[in-house]
N, C-alpha and C. Protein backbone atom coordinates (compact mmCIF):
# COMPACT_ATOMS: atom_id res chain seq x y z
N UNK A 1 -18.18 8.69 20.17
CA UNK A 1 -18.55 9.39 18.64
C UNK A 1 -19.00 10.73 18.90
N UNK A 2 -19.00 11.52 19.77
CA UNK A 2 -19.60 12.99 20.06
C UNK A 2 -18.49 13.85 19.52
N UNK A 3 -17.47 13.06 19.45
CA UNK A 3 -16.38 14.14 18.83
C UNK A 3 -16.39 14.28 17.34
N UNK A 4 -17.03 13.07 16.58
CA UNK A 4 -17.18 13.20 15.25
C UNK A 4 -18.15 14.01 14.74
N UNK A 5 -19.24 14.22 15.53
CA UNK A 5 -20.25 15.00 15.16
C UNK A 5 -19.80 16.40 15.26
N UNK A 6 -18.83 16.68 16.10
CA UNK A 6 -18.43 18.14 16.69
C UNK A 6 -17.52 18.56 15.70
N UNK A 7 -16.96 17.86 14.76
CA UNK A 7 -15.90 18.20 13.80
C UNK A 7 -16.61 19.11 12.75
N UNK A 8 -15.92 20.25 12.22
CA UNK A 8 -16.64 20.72 11.11
C UNK A 8 -16.47 20.08 10.12
N UNK A 9 -17.65 20.05 9.06
CA UNK A 9 -17.72 19.25 8.07
C UNK A 9 -16.76 19.39 6.89
N UNK A 10 -15.86 20.42 7.01
CA UNK A 10 -14.82 20.64 5.71
C UNK A 10 -13.61 19.75 6.03
N UNK A 11 -13.60 19.44 7.23
CA UNK A 11 -12.36 18.47 7.65
C UNK A 11 -12.69 17.22 7.28
N UNK A 12 -14.01 16.77 7.12
CA UNK A 12 -14.43 15.12 6.77
C UNK A 12 -14.01 15.42 5.40
N UNK A 13 -14.47 16.29 4.67
CA UNK A 13 -14.39 16.46 3.17
C UNK A 13 -12.89 16.59 2.81
N UNK A 14 -11.90 17.11 3.49
CA UNK A 14 -10.41 17.21 3.06
C UNK A 14 -10.04 15.86 3.62
N UNK A 15 -10.40 15.04 4.67
CA UNK A 15 -9.88 13.74 4.78
C UNK A 15 -10.29 13.04 3.71
N UNK A 16 -11.73 12.83 3.28
CA UNK A 16 -12.12 11.99 2.33
C UNK A 16 -11.01 12.15 1.01
N UNK A 17 -10.97 13.62 0.67
CA UNK A 17 -10.25 13.77 -0.54
C UNK A 17 -8.71 13.07 -0.26
N UNK A 18 -8.05 13.30 0.76
CA UNK A 18 -6.92 12.96 0.94
C UNK A 18 -6.77 11.33 0.84
N UNK A 19 -7.72 10.55 1.26
CA UNK A 19 -7.83 9.25 1.43
C UNK A 19 -8.18 8.85 -0.13
N UNK A 20 -8.75 9.54 -0.90
CA UNK A 20 -8.86 9.17 -2.18
C UNK A 20 -7.95 9.11 -3.00
N UNK A 21 -6.94 10.44 -2.60
CA UNK A 21 -6.00 10.60 -3.40
C UNK A 21 -4.87 9.61 -2.94
N UNK A 22 -4.75 8.95 -1.89
CA UNK A 22 -3.69 8.06 -1.46
C UNK A 22 -4.08 6.84 -2.09
N UNK A 23 -5.35 6.60 -2.24
CA UNK A 23 -5.65 5.25 -2.62
C UNK A 23 -5.50 5.17 -4.19
N UNK A 24 -5.46 6.54 -4.93
CA UNK A 24 -5.09 6.44 -6.45
C UNK A 24 -3.69 6.16 -6.58
N UNK A 25 -3.03 6.46 -5.56
CA UNK A 25 -1.31 6.50 -5.71
C UNK A 25 -1.33 4.86 -5.37
N UNK A 26 -1.90 4.28 -4.35
CA UNK A 26 -1.69 2.92 -4.24
C UNK A 26 -2.50 1.98 -5.30
N UNK A 27 -3.57 2.38 -5.94
CA UNK A 27 -4.44 1.71 -7.12
C UNK A 27 -4.48 2.86 -8.08
N UNK A 28 -3.19 2.69 -9.01
CA UNK A 28 -3.59 3.63 -10.02
C UNK A 28 -4.49 3.36 -11.14
N UNK A 29 -5.21 4.18 -11.53
CA UNK A 29 -6.22 4.12 -12.34
C UNK A 29 -6.69 5.32 -13.17
N UNK A 30 -6.20 6.45 -12.65
CA UNK A 30 -6.71 7.64 -13.03
C UNK A 30 -8.35 7.73 -12.93
N UNK A 31 -8.89 7.51 -11.83
CA UNK A 31 -10.24 7.56 -11.64
C UNK A 31 -10.33 8.28 -10.23
N UNK A 32 -9.69 7.81 -9.08
CA UNK A 32 -10.00 8.25 -8.04
C UNK A 32 -9.43 9.43 -7.68
N UNK A 33 -8.60 10.12 -8.35
CA UNK A 33 -7.96 11.12 -8.34
C UNK A 33 -9.05 12.61 -8.52
N UNK A 34 -9.96 12.15 -9.50
CA UNK A 34 -11.13 13.09 -9.73
C UNK A 34 -11.97 13.21 -8.62
N UNK A 35 -12.13 12.02 -7.97
CA UNK A 35 -13.15 12.01 -6.70
C UNK A 35 -12.43 12.64 -5.82
N UNK A 36 -11.14 12.56 -5.42
CA UNK A 36 -10.41 13.38 -4.51
C UNK A 36 -10.45 14.66 -4.78
N UNK A 37 -10.37 15.26 -5.88
CA UNK A 37 -10.50 16.63 -6.11
C UNK A 37 -11.73 17.25 -6.00
N UNK A 38 -13.07 16.59 -6.46
CA UNK A 38 -14.23 16.77 -6.03
C UNK A 38 -14.26 16.98 -4.53
N UNK A 39 -13.87 16.03 -3.64
CA UNK A 39 -14.25 16.15 -2.15
C UNK A 39 -13.27 17.11 -1.53
N UNK A 40 -12.14 17.33 -2.28
CA UNK A 40 -11.38 18.64 -1.54
C UNK A 40 -11.99 20.06 -1.89
N UNK A 41 -12.73 20.18 -3.16
CA UNK A 41 -13.14 21.29 -3.35
C UNK A 41 -14.31 21.36 -2.76
N UNK A 42 -15.22 20.22 -2.44
CA UNK A 42 -16.39 20.59 -1.41
C UNK A 42 -16.14 20.92 -0.15
N UNK A 43 -14.97 20.39 0.34
CA UNK A 43 -14.34 20.58 1.52
C UNK A 43 -13.96 22.25 1.69
N UNK A 44 -13.50 22.78 0.80
CA UNK A 44 -13.23 24.48 0.61
C UNK A 44 -14.50 25.09 0.43
N UNK A 45 -15.39 24.60 -0.22
CA UNK A 45 -16.59 25.36 -0.12
C UNK A 45 -17.49 25.18 1.36
N UNK A 46 -17.47 24.38 1.95
CA UNK A 46 -17.84 24.08 3.19
C UNK A 46 -17.26 25.00 4.38
N UNK A 47 -15.74 25.13 4.09
CA UNK A 47 -15.00 26.07 4.93
C UNK A 47 -15.53 27.54 5.09
N UNK A 48 -15.90 27.99 3.65
CA UNK A 48 -15.99 29.28 3.27
C UNK A 48 -17.46 29.20 3.40
N UNK A 49 -18.44 28.75 3.28
CA UNK A 49 -19.76 28.82 3.43
C UNK A 49 -20.39 27.73 3.95
N UNK A 50 -21.47 28.36 4.87
CA UNK A 50 -21.98 26.86 6.01
C UNK A 50 -23.14 26.31 4.94
N UNK A 51 -22.80 25.10 4.73
CA UNK A 51 -23.79 24.34 3.81
C UNK A 51 -24.20 23.24 4.69
N UNK A 52 -25.66 22.79 4.53
CA UNK A 52 -25.97 21.56 5.06
C UNK A 52 -25.50 20.37 4.47
N UNK A 53 -25.46 19.38 5.12
CA UNK A 53 -24.87 17.87 4.69
C UNK A 53 -25.69 17.54 3.33
N UNK A 54 -27.00 17.53 3.06
CA UNK A 54 -27.69 17.35 1.82
C UNK A 54 -27.05 17.95 0.68
N UNK A 55 -26.95 19.28 0.85
CA UNK A 55 -26.05 20.21 -0.06
C UNK A 55 -24.92 19.74 -0.35
N UNK A 56 -24.05 19.41 0.70
CA UNK A 56 -22.78 18.92 0.37
C UNK A 56 -22.86 17.91 -0.48
N UNK A 57 -23.41 16.98 -0.21
CA UNK A 57 -23.64 15.59 -1.02
C UNK A 57 -23.75 15.99 -2.19
N UNK A 58 -24.80 16.82 -2.63
CA UNK A 58 -25.29 17.17 -4.11
C UNK A 58 -24.23 18.01 -4.92
N UNK A 59 -23.49 18.61 -3.94
CA UNK A 59 -22.24 19.47 -4.49
C UNK A 59 -20.95 18.53 -4.86
N UNK A 60 -20.87 17.65 -3.92
CA UNK A 60 -19.63 16.62 -4.14
C UNK A 60 -20.21 15.89 -5.40
N UNK A 61 -21.52 15.18 -5.43
CA UNK A 61 -21.78 14.37 -6.81
C UNK A 61 -21.71 15.16 -7.91
N UNK A 62 -22.09 16.32 -8.05
CA UNK A 62 -22.04 17.07 -9.29
C UNK A 62 -20.66 17.39 -9.67
N UNK A 63 -19.85 17.81 -8.82
CA UNK A 63 -18.27 17.83 -8.90
C UNK A 63 -17.63 16.50 -9.44
N UNK A 64 -17.88 15.67 -8.68
CA UNK A 64 -17.26 14.05 -9.20
C UNK A 64 -17.69 13.96 -10.69
N UNK A 65 -19.01 14.26 -10.96
CA UNK A 65 -19.40 13.60 -12.36
C UNK A 65 -18.68 14.57 -13.29
N UNK A 66 -18.72 16.01 -13.09
CA UNK A 66 -17.92 16.71 -14.02
C UNK A 66 -16.53 16.51 -14.08
N UNK A 67 -15.95 16.26 -12.94
CA UNK A 67 -14.34 15.99 -12.92
C UNK A 67 -14.29 14.74 -13.62
N UNK A 68 -14.94 13.77 -13.34
CA UNK A 68 -14.60 12.37 -13.96
C UNK A 68 -14.80 12.76 -15.54
N UNK A 69 -15.73 13.18 -15.88
CA UNK A 69 -15.89 13.20 -17.46
C UNK A 69 -14.88 14.23 -18.14
N UNK A 70 -14.68 15.37 -17.46
CA UNK A 70 -13.66 16.17 -17.85
C UNK A 70 -12.32 15.66 -17.99
N UNK A 71 -11.94 14.91 -16.93
CA UNK A 71 -10.66 14.15 -16.73
C UNK A 71 -10.55 13.10 -17.99
N UNK A 72 -11.64 12.39 -18.20
CA UNK A 72 -11.56 11.17 -19.21
C UNK A 72 -11.44 12.13 -20.75
N UNK A 73 -12.14 13.10 -20.68
CA UNK A 73 -12.00 13.91 -22.31
C UNK A 73 -10.42 14.61 -22.25
N UNK A 74 -10.00 14.99 -21.14
CA UNK A 74 -8.41 15.45 -21.36
C UNK A 74 -7.66 14.29 -21.47
N UNK A 75 -7.75 13.18 -20.78
CA UNK A 75 -6.78 12.20 -21.24
C UNK A 75 -6.85 11.38 -22.55
N UNK A 76 -8.38 11.53 -23.16
CA UNK A 76 -8.57 11.13 -24.48
C UNK A 76 -7.61 12.03 -25.63
N UNK A 77 -7.84 13.36 -25.16
CA UNK A 77 -7.29 14.16 -25.97
C UNK A 77 -5.57 14.34 -25.83
N UNK A 78 -5.23 14.03 -24.45
CA UNK A 78 -3.72 14.11 -24.41
C UNK A 78 -3.17 12.73 -23.61
N UNK A 79 -2.95 11.73 -24.42
CA UNK A 79 -2.97 10.42 -23.93
C UNK A 79 -1.50 10.43 -23.22
N UNK A 80 -1.35 9.70 -22.06
CA UNK A 80 -0.20 9.62 -21.57
C UNK A 80 0.79 8.78 -22.32
N UNK A 81 2.14 9.25 -22.57
CA UNK A 81 2.96 8.63 -23.37
C UNK A 81 4.00 7.67 -22.56
N UNK A 82 4.13 6.61 -22.80
CA UNK A 82 4.92 5.62 -22.05
C UNK A 82 6.47 6.05 -22.28
N UNK A 83 7.31 5.87 -21.36
CA UNK A 83 8.84 6.22 -21.66
C UNK A 83 9.43 5.15 -22.36
N UNK A 84 8.75 3.71 -22.15
CA UNK A 84 9.21 2.72 -22.95
C UNK A 84 8.05 1.85 -23.40
N UNK A 85 7.53 2.12 -24.58
CA UNK A 85 6.40 1.39 -25.09
C UNK A 85 6.42 -0.11 -25.19
N UNK A 86 7.73 -0.51 -25.28
CA UNK A 86 8.10 -1.88 -25.73
C UNK A 86 8.50 -2.64 -24.28
N UNK A 87 8.27 -2.11 -23.30
CA UNK A 87 8.44 -2.55 -22.08
C UNK A 87 8.12 -4.08 -21.66
N UNK A 88 6.86 -4.04 -21.99
CA UNK A 88 6.27 -5.51 -21.82
C UNK A 88 6.10 -6.40 -22.79
N UNK A 89 6.81 -5.96 -24.29
CA UNK A 89 6.73 -6.73 -25.53
C UNK A 89 8.06 -7.28 -25.89
N UNK A 90 8.49 -8.37 -25.14
CA UNK A 90 10.04 -8.70 -25.43
C UNK A 90 10.24 -8.97 -26.86
N UNK A 91 9.20 -9.62 -27.53
CA UNK A 91 9.27 -9.99 -29.12
C UNK A 91 9.68 -8.95 -29.60
N UNK A 92 9.12 -7.49 -29.52
CA UNK A 92 9.03 -6.51 -30.21
C UNK A 92 10.23 -5.71 -29.92
N UNK A 93 10.96 -5.87 -28.76
CA UNK A 93 12.28 -5.53 -28.43
C UNK A 93 13.43 -6.00 -29.12
N UNK A 94 13.30 -7.22 -29.41
CA UNK A 94 14.04 -8.15 -30.16
C UNK A 94 14.27 -7.90 -31.58
N UNK A 95 13.42 -7.15 -32.26
CA UNK A 95 13.28 -7.00 -33.62
C UNK A 95 14.77 -6.16 -34.15
N UNK A 96 15.49 -6.50 -34.96
CA UNK A 96 16.81 -6.04 -35.51
C UNK A 96 17.91 -6.65 -34.88
N UNK A 97 17.62 -7.34 -33.67
CA UNK A 97 18.85 -8.12 -33.04
C UNK A 97 19.14 -9.32 -33.84
N UNK A 98 20.44 -9.51 -33.66
CA UNK A 98 21.10 -10.70 -34.14
C UNK A 98 20.88 -12.10 -33.24
N UNK A 99 20.59 -13.27 -33.93
CA UNK A 99 20.45 -14.20 -32.91
C UNK A 99 21.00 -15.39 -33.64
N UNK A 100 21.64 -16.48 -32.72
CA UNK A 100 22.12 -17.52 -33.24
C UNK A 100 21.10 -18.95 -33.46
N UNK A 101 21.14 -19.45 -33.99
CA UNK A 101 20.38 -20.59 -34.31
C UNK A 101 21.03 -21.85 -33.46
N UNK A 102 19.85 -22.18 -32.66
CA UNK A 102 20.62 -23.52 -31.60
C UNK A 102 20.04 -24.77 -32.21
N UNK A 103 18.86 -24.93 -32.76
CA UNK A 103 18.12 -26.24 -33.24
C UNK A 103 17.85 -25.78 -34.67
N UNK A 104 18.16 -26.43 -35.53
CA UNK A 104 18.10 -26.05 -36.88
C UNK A 104 16.46 -25.71 -37.22
N UNK A 105 16.25 -24.74 -37.89
CA UNK A 105 15.34 -24.14 -38.56
C UNK A 105 14.98 -25.20 -40.00
N UNK A 106 14.09 -25.88 -39.80
CA UNK A 106 13.67 -26.73 -40.75
C UNK A 106 12.14 -26.74 -41.12
N UNK A 107 11.91 -26.64 -42.23
CA UNK A 107 10.29 -26.72 -42.64
C UNK A 107 9.99 -25.19 -41.96
N UNK A 108 10.35 -24.30 -41.65
CA UNK A 108 10.16 -22.89 -41.33
C UNK A 108 10.10 -22.79 -39.79
N UNK A 109 10.66 -23.66 -38.84
CA UNK A 109 10.45 -23.43 -37.71
C UNK A 109 11.70 -24.25 -36.81
N UNK A 110 12.26 -23.46 -35.89
CA UNK A 110 13.50 -24.03 -35.02
C UNK A 110 13.61 -23.25 -33.85
N UNK A 111 14.70 -23.25 -33.29
CA UNK A 111 15.10 -22.45 -32.23
C UNK A 111 16.35 -21.54 -32.45
N UNK A 112 16.18 -20.44 -31.58
CA UNK A 112 17.39 -19.69 -31.66
C UNK A 112 17.88 -19.28 -30.16
N UNK A 113 19.14 -18.58 -30.04
CA UNK A 113 19.66 -18.22 -28.54
C UNK A 113 19.55 -16.68 -28.99
N UNK A 114 19.03 -15.89 -27.92
CA UNK A 114 19.49 -14.60 -27.75
C UNK A 114 19.69 -14.23 -26.29
N UNK A 115 20.87 -13.78 -25.96
CA UNK A 115 21.14 -13.33 -24.70
C UNK A 115 21.23 -14.92 -23.87
N UNK A 116 20.24 -14.78 -22.89
CA UNK A 116 20.32 -16.28 -22.12
C UNK A 116 19.20 -17.18 -22.37
N UNK A 117 18.50 -16.39 -23.34
CA UNK A 117 17.31 -17.15 -23.63
C UNK A 117 17.12 -17.78 -25.03
N UNK A 118 16.28 -18.81 -25.20
CA UNK A 118 16.20 -19.59 -26.38
C UNK A 118 14.71 -19.22 -26.65
N UNK A 119 14.47 -18.93 -28.14
CA UNK A 119 13.11 -18.86 -28.65
C UNK A 119 12.80 -19.68 -29.77
N UNK A 120 11.44 -19.83 -29.89
CA UNK A 120 11.39 -20.57 -30.99
C UNK A 120 10.86 -19.46 -32.16
N UNK A 121 11.33 -19.91 -33.50
CA UNK A 121 11.28 -19.03 -34.49
C UNK A 121 10.76 -19.60 -36.01
N UNK A 122 10.21 -18.82 -36.57
CA UNK A 122 9.87 -19.06 -37.90
C UNK A 122 10.57 -18.12 -38.87
N UNK A 123 11.23 -18.99 -40.00
CA UNK A 123 11.90 -18.35 -41.03
C UNK A 123 12.29 -19.31 -41.91
N UNK A 124 13.31 -18.81 -42.71
CA UNK A 124 14.02 -19.94 -43.52
C UNK A 124 14.86 -20.93 -43.19
N UNK A 125 14.97 -21.82 -43.79
CA UNK A 125 15.62 -23.14 -43.33
C UNK A 125 17.25 -22.73 -43.01
N UNK A 126 17.72 -22.95 -41.73
CA UNK A 126 19.19 -22.58 -41.43
C UNK A 126 19.85 -23.66 -40.71
N UNK A 127 20.91 -24.06 -40.53
CA UNK A 127 21.71 -24.78 -39.73
C UNK A 127 22.00 -24.12 -38.24
N UNK A 128 22.25 -25.11 -37.23
CA UNK A 128 22.77 -24.66 -36.01
C UNK A 128 24.24 -23.92 -36.06
N UNK A 129 24.30 -22.74 -35.19
CA UNK A 129 25.13 -21.65 -35.48
C UNK A 129 25.14 -20.86 -36.55
N UNK A 130 23.92 -20.77 -37.57
CA UNK A 130 23.83 -19.56 -38.42
C UNK A 130 23.16 -18.48 -37.54
N UNK A 131 23.99 -17.41 -37.72
CA UNK A 131 23.43 -16.02 -37.37
C UNK A 131 22.32 -15.54 -38.17
N UNK A 132 21.27 -15.08 -37.56
CA UNK A 132 20.23 -14.70 -38.04
C UNK A 132 19.40 -13.25 -37.64
N UNK A 133 18.81 -12.34 -38.42
CA UNK A 133 18.42 -11.33 -37.94
C UNK A 133 16.85 -11.47 -37.42
N UNK A 134 16.37 -10.97 -36.43
CA UNK A 134 15.09 -10.96 -35.94
C UNK A 134 14.24 -9.76 -36.79
N UNK A 135 13.11 -10.23 -37.66
CA UNK A 135 12.56 -9.05 -38.32
C UNK A 135 11.22 -9.00 -37.90
N UNK A 136 10.65 -9.64 -36.85
CA UNK A 136 9.18 -9.68 -36.41
C UNK A 136 8.90 -10.59 -35.38
N UNK A 137 7.73 -10.82 -35.00
CA UNK A 137 7.36 -12.05 -33.93
C UNK A 137 5.84 -11.87 -34.05
N UNK A 138 5.55 -13.25 -33.90
CA UNK A 138 4.08 -13.69 -33.82
C UNK A 138 3.66 -14.14 -32.68
N UNK A 139 3.69 -13.25 -31.59
CA UNK A 139 3.06 -13.72 -30.25
C UNK A 139 4.57 -13.87 -29.55
N UNK A 140 4.73 -15.13 -29.18
CA UNK A 140 6.00 -15.57 -28.49
C UNK A 140 7.20 -16.28 -29.42
N UNK A 141 6.63 -16.18 -30.62
CA UNK A 141 7.40 -16.79 -31.96
C UNK A 141 8.19 -15.84 -32.51
N UNK A 142 9.66 -15.71 -32.79
CA UNK A 142 10.41 -14.66 -33.50
C UNK A 142 10.17 -14.92 -34.74
N UNK A 143 10.14 -14.14 -35.56
CA UNK A 143 10.29 -14.20 -37.05
C UNK A 143 11.60 -13.93 -37.56
N UNK A 144 12.40 -14.62 -38.23
CA UNK A 144 13.84 -14.48 -38.39
C UNK A 144 14.07 -14.30 -39.89
N UNK A 145 15.41 -13.76 -40.47
CA UNK A 145 15.41 -13.80 -41.62
C UNK A 145 17.30 -13.73 -41.89
N UNK A 146 17.57 -14.12 -43.03
CA UNK A 146 19.23 -14.29 -42.85
C UNK A 146 19.99 -13.05 -42.82
N UNK A 147 20.96 -12.78 -42.43
CA UNK A 147 21.96 -11.46 -42.46
C UNK A 147 22.02 -11.24 -43.83
N UNK A 148 22.15 -9.80 -44.02
CA UNK A 148 22.42 -9.25 -45.55
C UNK A 148 23.84 -8.72 -45.42
């Protein structure tokens, strides 16, 4: 363990920063990257200026707090837009699609086929084989209407 104490402290901060950055990629949450930045900046400061360990920890802590709150504010003002906001909302993806009734819609509920899936539906009464359009969804239940 003598080799560890002989290392310059900036290498330790650089290593901590890289480990935190790698952890951000493995466990995304847009939090660890700010701590990684604080560790890397602390490493750069200790490389340029000889600073004792207690002051290094204070600098890292202050930079971590400032970077986390600055990052949080930045992300609040500039939200990350999804390339496909309906990716995990299958019901919303089907709005506007034409479906075929497989089990009669009676008293407002029945089943339809869309692609290779069957869905529960709410809508006006219809016989099997009737084509209808999806106008919305209520959880996993599609809301359908007659084609116009």
